[in-house]
C-alpha atoms as a PDB file:
ATOM      1  CA  MET A   1     -59.046  12.917  17.979  1.00  0.00           C
ATOM      2  CA  LYS A   2     -56.780  10.863  15.735  1.00  0.00           C
ATOM      3  CA  LYS A   3     -57.380   7.233  15.160  1.00  0.00           C
ATOM      4  CA  TYR A   4     -54.618   4.763  15.875  1.00  0.00           C
ATOM      5  CA  HIS A   5     -54.556   1.374  14.287  1.00  0.00           C
ATOM      6  CA  TYR A   6     -52.905  -1.843  15.272  1.00  0.00           C
ATOM      7  CA  SER A   7     -50.174  -3.396  13.181  1.00  0.00           C
ATOM      8  CA  SER A   8     -50.046  -7.071  12.401  1.00  0.00           C
ATOM      9  CA  TYR A   9     -47.626  -7.519  15.309  1.00  0.00           C
ATOM     10  CA  GLY A  10     -50.054  -6.090  17.839  1.00  0.00           C
ATOM     11  CA  ASN A  11     -48.167  -2.839  18.514  1.00  0.00           C
ATOM     12  CA  ASN A  12     -49.765   0.555  18.267  1.00  0.00           C
ATOM     13  CA  VAL A  13     -48.679   2.451  15.190  1.00  0.00           C
ATOM     14  CA  ILE A  14     -48.762   6.215  15.435  1.00  0.00           C
ATOM     15  CA  PRO A  15     -49.679   7.980  12.205  1.00  0.00           C
ATOM     16  CA  PHE A  16     -46.734   9.655  10.458  1.00  0.00           C
ATOM     17  CA  ASP A  17     -48.066  13.218  10.757  1.00  0.00           C
ATOM     18  CA  SER A  18     -48.224  13.028  14.563  1.00  0.00           C
ATOM     19  CA  HIS A  19     -44.431  12.426  14.767  1.00  0.00           C
ATOM     20  CA  HIS A  20     -43.668  15.914  13.567  1.00  0.00           C
ATOM     21  CA  SER A  21     -43.751  18.622  16.143  1.00  0.00           C
ATOM     22  CA  SER A  22     -42.618  22.204  16.283  1.00  0.00           C
ATOM     23  CA  THR A  23     -40.285  21.426  19.189  1.00  0.00           C
ATOM     24  CA  PRO A  24     -36.737  20.866  17.906  1.00  0.00           C
ATOM     25  CA  ILE A  25     -34.830  17.776  18.908  1.00  0.00           C
ATOM     26  CA  SER A  26     -32.412  18.371  21.733  1.00  0.00           C
ATOM     27  CA  ASN A  27     -28.876  19.114  20.523  1.00  0.00           C
ATOM     28  CA  ILE A  28     -27.267  17.753  23.680  1.00  0.00           C
ATOM     29  CA  TYR A  29     -27.136  14.172  22.438  1.00  0.00           C
ATOM     30  CA  GLN A  30     -26.178  15.186  18.931  1.00  0.00           C
ATOM     31  CA  SER A  31     -23.330  17.453  20.018  1.00  0.00           C
ATOM     32  CA  ASN A  32     -21.875  14.883  22.413  1.00  0.00           C
ATOM     33  CA  GLU A  33     -22.093  12.205  19.747  1.00  0.00           C
ATOM     34  CA  ALA A  34     -20.595  14.486  17.099  1.00  0.00           C
ATOM     35  CA  THR A  35     -17.799  15.538  19.454  1.00  0.00           C
ATOM     36  CA  LYS A  36     -17.053  11.910  20.309  1.00  0.00           C
ATOM     37  CA  TRP A  37     -16.890  10.870  16.646  1.00  0.00           C
ATOM     38  CA  GLY A  38     -14.932  13.987  15.760  1.00  0.00           C
ATOM     39  CA  TYR A  39     -12.389  13.154  18.458  1.00  0.00           C
ATOM     40  CA  ILE A  40     -12.094   9.544  17.292  1.00  0.00           C
ATOM     41  CA  LEU A  41     -11.680  10.571  13.663  1.00  0.00           C
ATOM     42  CA  GLU A  42      -9.135  13.222  14.624  1.00  0.00           C
ATOM     43  CA  GLU A  43      -7.203  10.663  16.679  1.00  0.00           C
ATOM     44  CA  GLN A  44      -7.199   8.215  13.766  1.00  0.00           C
ATOM     45  CA  ALA A  45      -6.092  10.970  11.393  1.00  0.00           C
ATOM     46  CA  ASN A  46      -3.227  11.878  13.729  1.00  0.00           C
ATOM     47  CA  GLU A  47      -2.097   8.235  13.825  1.00  0.00           C
ATOM     48  CA  TYR A  48      -2.326   8.058  10.037  1.00  0.00           C
ATOM     49  CA  HIS A  49      -0.214  11.197   9.667  1.00  0.00           C
ATOM     50  CA  LYS A  50       2.373   9.835  12.108  1.00  0.00           C
ATOM     51  CA  VAL A  51       2.664   6.613  10.116  1.00  0.00           C
ATOM     52  CA  GLU A  52       2.713   8.515   6.834  1.00  0.00           C
ATOM     53  CA  SER A  53       5.444  10.892   8.012  1.00  0.00           C
ATOM     54  CA  LEU A  54       7.440   7.918   9.323  1.00  0.00           C
ATOM     55  CA  LEU A  55       7.201   6.246   5.895  1.00  0.00           C
ATOM     56  CA  LEU A  56       8.234   9.447   4.141  1.00  0.00           C
ATOM     57  CA  ASP A  57      11.202   9.938   6.474  1.00  0.00           C
ATOM     58  CA  LYS A  58      12.297   6.314   6.081  1.00  0.00           C
ATOM     59  CA  TYR A  59      12.137   6.664   2.316  1.00  0.00           C
ATOM     60  CA  LYS A  60      14.058   9.951   2.229  1.00  0.00           C
ATOM     61  CA  ASN A  61      16.792   8.710   4.566  1.00  0.00           C
ATOM     62  CA  SER A  62      17.309   5.231   3.128  1.00  0.00           C
ATOM     63  CA  PHE A  63      20.722   4.926   1.522  1.00  0.00           C
ATOM     64  CA  ASN A  64      19.935   1.400   0.287  1.00  0.00           C
ATOM     65  CA  LYS A  65      16.816   2.546  -1.563  1.00  0.00           C
ATOM     66  CA  LYS A  66      18.870   5.275  -3.251  1.00  0.00           C
ATOM     67  CA  ARG A  67      21.433   2.643  -4.264  1.00  0.00           C
ATOM     68  CA  LEU A  68      18.692   0.386  -5.565  1.00  0.00           C
ATOM     69  CA  ILE A  69      17.254   3.224  -7.654  1.00  0.00           C
ATOM     70  CA  LYS A  70      20.723   3.940  -9.111  1.00  0.00           C
ATOM     71  CA  ILE A  71      21.325   0.279  -9.948  1.00  0.00           C
ATOM     72  CA  TRP A  72      17.894   0.080 -11.545  1.00  0.00           C
ATOM     73  CA  GLU A  73      18.590   3.264 -13.507  1.00  0.00           C
ATOM     74  CA  LYS A  74      21.705   1.596 -14.899  1.00  0.00           C
ATOM     75  CA  ASN A  75      19.913  -1.655 -15.832  1.00  0.00           C
ATOM     76  CA  ARG A  76      16.536  -0.364 -16.997  1.00  0.00           C
ATOM     77  CA  THR A  77      17.577   0.075 -20.634  1.00  0.00           C
ATOM     78  CA  GLN A  78      18.458  -3.618 -20.849  1.00  0.00           C
ATOM     79  CA  VAL A  79      15.116  -4.546 -19.314  1.00  0.00           C
ATOM     80  CA  SER A  80      13.186  -2.241 -21.635  1.00  0.00           C
ATOM     81  CA  ILE A  81      14.662  -3.779 -24.807  1.00  0.00           C
ATOM     82  CA  ALA A  82      14.559  -7.383 -23.540  1.00  0.00           C
ATOM     83  CA  PRO A  83      10.998  -8.111 -24.786  1.00  0.00           C
ATOM     84  CA  LEU A  84      12.117  -7.239 -28.326  1.00  0.00           C
ATOM     85  CA  LEU A  85      14.785  -9.957 -28.281  1.00  0.00           C
ATOM     86  CA  PRO A  86      14.383 -13.742 -28.558  1.00  0.00           C
ATOM     87  CA  SER A  87      12.956 -15.305 -25.416  1.00  0.00           C
ATOM     88  CA  ILE A  88      16.216 -17.043 -24.462  1.00  0.00           C
ATOM     89  CA  ILE A  89      18.136 -13.758 -24.490  1.00  0.00           C
ATOM     90  CA  GLU A  90      15.241 -12.016 -22.741  1.00  0.00           C
ATOM     91  CA  LYS A  91      15.387 -14.567 -19.923  1.00  0.00           C
ATOM     92  CA  VAL A  92      19.176 -14.155 -19.589  1.00  0.00           C
ATOM     93  CA  ILE A  93      18.801 -10.370 -19.331  1.00  0.00           C
ATOM     94  CA  TYR A  94      16.116 -10.692 -16.656  1.00  0.00           C
ATOM     95  CA  GLN A  95      18.219 -13.234 -14.795  1.00  0.00           C
ATOM     96  CA  ASN A  96      21.316 -10.993 -14.820  1.00  0.00           C
ATOM     97  CA  VAL A  97      19.412  -7.927 -13.658  1.00  0.00           C
ATOM     98  CA  TYR A  98      17.627  -9.965 -11.001  1.00  0.00           C
ATOM     99  CA  GLU A  99      20.963 -11.248  -9.691  1.00  0.00           C
ATOM    100  CA  ASP A 100      22.256  -7.648  -9.566  1.00  0.00           C
ATOM    101  CA  ILE A 101      19.414  -6.352  -7.420  1.00  0.00           C
ATOM    102  CA  LYS A 102      18.265  -9.442  -5.488  1.00  0.00           C
ATOM    103  CA  GLY A 103      20.353  -8.900  -2.356  1.00  0.00           C
ATOM    104  CA  LEU A 104      19.708  -5.174  -2.210  1.00  0.00           C
ATOM    105  CA  ILE A 105      15.960  -5.687  -2.705  1.00  0.00           C
ATOM    106  CA  PHE A 106      15.959  -8.081   0.245  1.00  0.00           C
ATOM    107  CA  THR A 107      17.897  -5.611   2.418  1.00  0.00           C
ATOM    108  CA  CYS A 108      15.641  -2.685   1.507  1.00  0.00           C
ATOM    109  CA  TYR A 109      12.545  -4.772   2.099  1.00  0.00           C
ATOM    110  CA  HIS A 110      13.651  -5.691   5.607  1.00  0.00           C
ATOM    111  CA  GLU A 111      14.430  -2.059   6.421  1.00  0.00           C
ATOM    112  CA  ASP A 112      10.695  -1.427   6.170  1.00  0.00           C
ATOM    113  CA  PHE A 113       9.025  -4.725   7.126  1.00  0.00           C
ATOM    114  CA  ASP A 114       9.400  -7.711   9.404  1.00  0.00           C
ATOM    115  CA  LEU A 115       6.901  -9.644   7.302  1.00  0.00           C
ATOM    116  CA  PRO A 116       8.050 -12.773   5.483  1.00  0.00           C
ATOM    117  CA  TYR A 117       9.737 -12.054   2.182  1.00  0.00           C
ATOM    118  CA  VAL A 118       7.280 -13.603  -0.268  1.00  0.00           C
ATOM    119  CA  GLU A 119       5.910 -12.581  -3.634  1.00  0.00           C
ATOM    120  CA  ILE A 120       2.746 -10.826  -2.439  1.00  0.00           C
ATOM    121  CA  THR A 121       4.496  -8.809   0.272  1.00  0.00           C
ATOM    122  CA  LEU A 122       7.249  -7.849  -2.171  1.00  0.00           C
ATOM    123  CA  HIS A 123       4.649  -6.604  -4.650  1.00  0.00           C
ATOM    124  CA  ASN A 124       2.788  -4.624  -1.962  1.00  0.00           C
ATOM    125  CA  TRP A 125       6.033  -3.132  -0.699  1.00  0.00           C
ATOM    126  CA  LEU A 126       6.994  -1.965  -4.190  1.00  0.00           C
ATOM    127  CA  GLN A 127       3.516  -0.463  -4.596  1.00  0.00           C
ATOM    128  CA  GLN A 128       3.984   1.364  -1.300  1.00  0.00           C
ATOM    129  CA  LEU A 129       7.349   2.740  -2.434  1.00  0.00           C
ATOM    130  CA  ASN A 130       5.722   3.887  -5.657  1.00  0.00           C
ATOM    131  CA  SER A 131       3.031   5.725  -3.655  1.00  0.00           C
ATOM    132  CA  VAL A 132       5.570   7.296  -1.303  1.00  0.00           C
ATOM    133  CA  ALA A 133       7.663   8.518  -4.239  1.00  0.00           C
ATOM    134  CA  LYS A 134       4.562  10.105  -5.756  1.00  0.00           C
ATOM    135  CA  GLU A 135       3.726  11.693  -2.407  1.00  0.00           C
ATOM    136  CA  LEU A 136       7.214  13.219  -2.287  1.00  0.00           C
ATOM    137  CA  ASP A 137       6.892  14.416  -5.914  1.00  0.00           C
ATOM    138  CA  ARG A 138       9.789  12.237  -7.016  1.00  0.00           C
ATOM    139  CA  GLU A 139       8.389  11.393 -10.405  1.00  0.00           C
ATOM    140  CA  TRP A 140      11.388   9.445 -11.671  1.00  0.00           C
ATOM    141  CA  ASP A 141      11.537   7.346  -8.532  1.00  0.00           C
ATOM    142  CA  ALA A 142       7.848   6.510  -8.971  1.00  0.00           C
ATOM    143  CA  ILE A 143       8.497   5.524 -12.584  1.00  0.00           C
ATOM    144  CA  TYR A 144      11.425   3.327 -11.543  1.00  0.00           C
ATOM    145  CA  TRP A 145       9.384   1.592  -8.813  1.00  0.00           C
ATOM    146  CA  GLN A 146       6.609   0.908 -11.316  1.00  0.00           C
ATOM    147  CA  GLU A 147       9.169  -0.497 -13.740  1.00  0.00           C
ATOM    148  CA  MET A 148      10.485  -2.763 -10.978  1.00  0.00           C
ATOM    149  CA  ILE A 149       6.949  -3.982 -10.297  1.00  0.00           C
ATOM    150  CA  ASP A 150       6.614  -4.886 -13.967  1.00  0.00           C
ATOM    151  CA  PHE A 151      10.100  -6.411 -13.938  1.00  0.00           C
ATOM    152  CA  PHE A 152       9.225  -8.728 -11.053  1.00  0.00           C
ATOM    153  CA  LYS A 153       6.055  -9.790 -12.856  1.00  0.00           C
ATOM    154  CA  GLN A 154       8.222 -10.804 -15.813  1.00  0.00           C
ATOM    155  CA  CYS A 155      10.678 -12.564 -13.503  1.00  0.00           C
ATOM    156  CA  LYS A 156       7.774 -14.564 -12.104  1.00  0.00           C
ATOM    157  CA  LYS A 157       6.772 -15.482 -15.642  1.00  0.00           C
ATOM    158  CA  PHE A 158      10.297 -16.856 -16.247  1.00  0.00           C
ATOM    159  CA  ASP A 159      10.406 -18.560 -12.801  1.00  0.00           C
ATOM    160  CA  LEU A 160      13.389 -16.499 -11.675  1.00  0.00           C
ATOM    161  CA  LEU A 161      12.054 -15.436  -8.284  1.00  0.00           C
ATOM    162  CA  ASP A 162      13.788 -17.415  -5.579  1.00  0.00           C
ATOM    163  CA  PHE A 163      12.564 -16.417  -2.143  1.00  0.00           C
ATOM    164  CA  GLU A 164      13.832 -19.509  -0.301  1.00  0.00           C
ATOM    165  CA  GLN A 165      17.442 -19.033  -1.406  1.00  0.00           C
ATOM    166  CA  THR A 166      17.414 -15.413  -0.236  1.00  0.00           C
ATOM    167  CA  ILE A 167      16.060 -16.443   3.158  1.00  0.00           C
ATOM    168  CA  HIS A 168      18.737 -19.132   3.588  1.00  0.00           C
ATOM    169  CA  THR A 169      21.595 -16.838   2.558  1.00  0.00           C
ATOM    170  CA  THR A 170      20.604 -14.168   5.086  1.00  0.00           C
ATOM    171  CA  LYS A 171      20.380 -16.712   7.918  1.00  0.00           C
ATOM    172  CA  ASN A 172      24.019 -17.657   7.325  1.00  0.00           C
ATOM    173  CA  TYR A 173      25.245 -14.154   8.181  1.00  0.00           C
END
């Protein structure tokens, strides 16, 4: 007969070797639990794929995003050489390009989101567009979105970002 000892809490402690038996654990609980979790994970995956396909379709069918990419393609050479120029000229270049794309950026942003148009949501939105372009194997689009992310960081450095003015101008329409 095996000896049992008492723990410091007063409960019986069964020796480790007596826990093992040749009888397998019932699979009924395990299979129900696994099926339940499998169903939940499958349901979440289906929702994720629905959202992902919606994002991909929105991106592919957005005329404004295509226009924005074309305008950026036209202006990107100016932006790429701007850091090599004196800071006053660099700021003027960033300001001109920002004025060119500001309204279209706002329009494209609100095609996708109802969130307030602020710096952090703009940055996250551009990151999302970059990811979607990569998902669709549109390498140049992904490069352009990354360049726009960097561009807006520089605009912030020069205090060119004006979110309040954009909000007020859209309320007037």
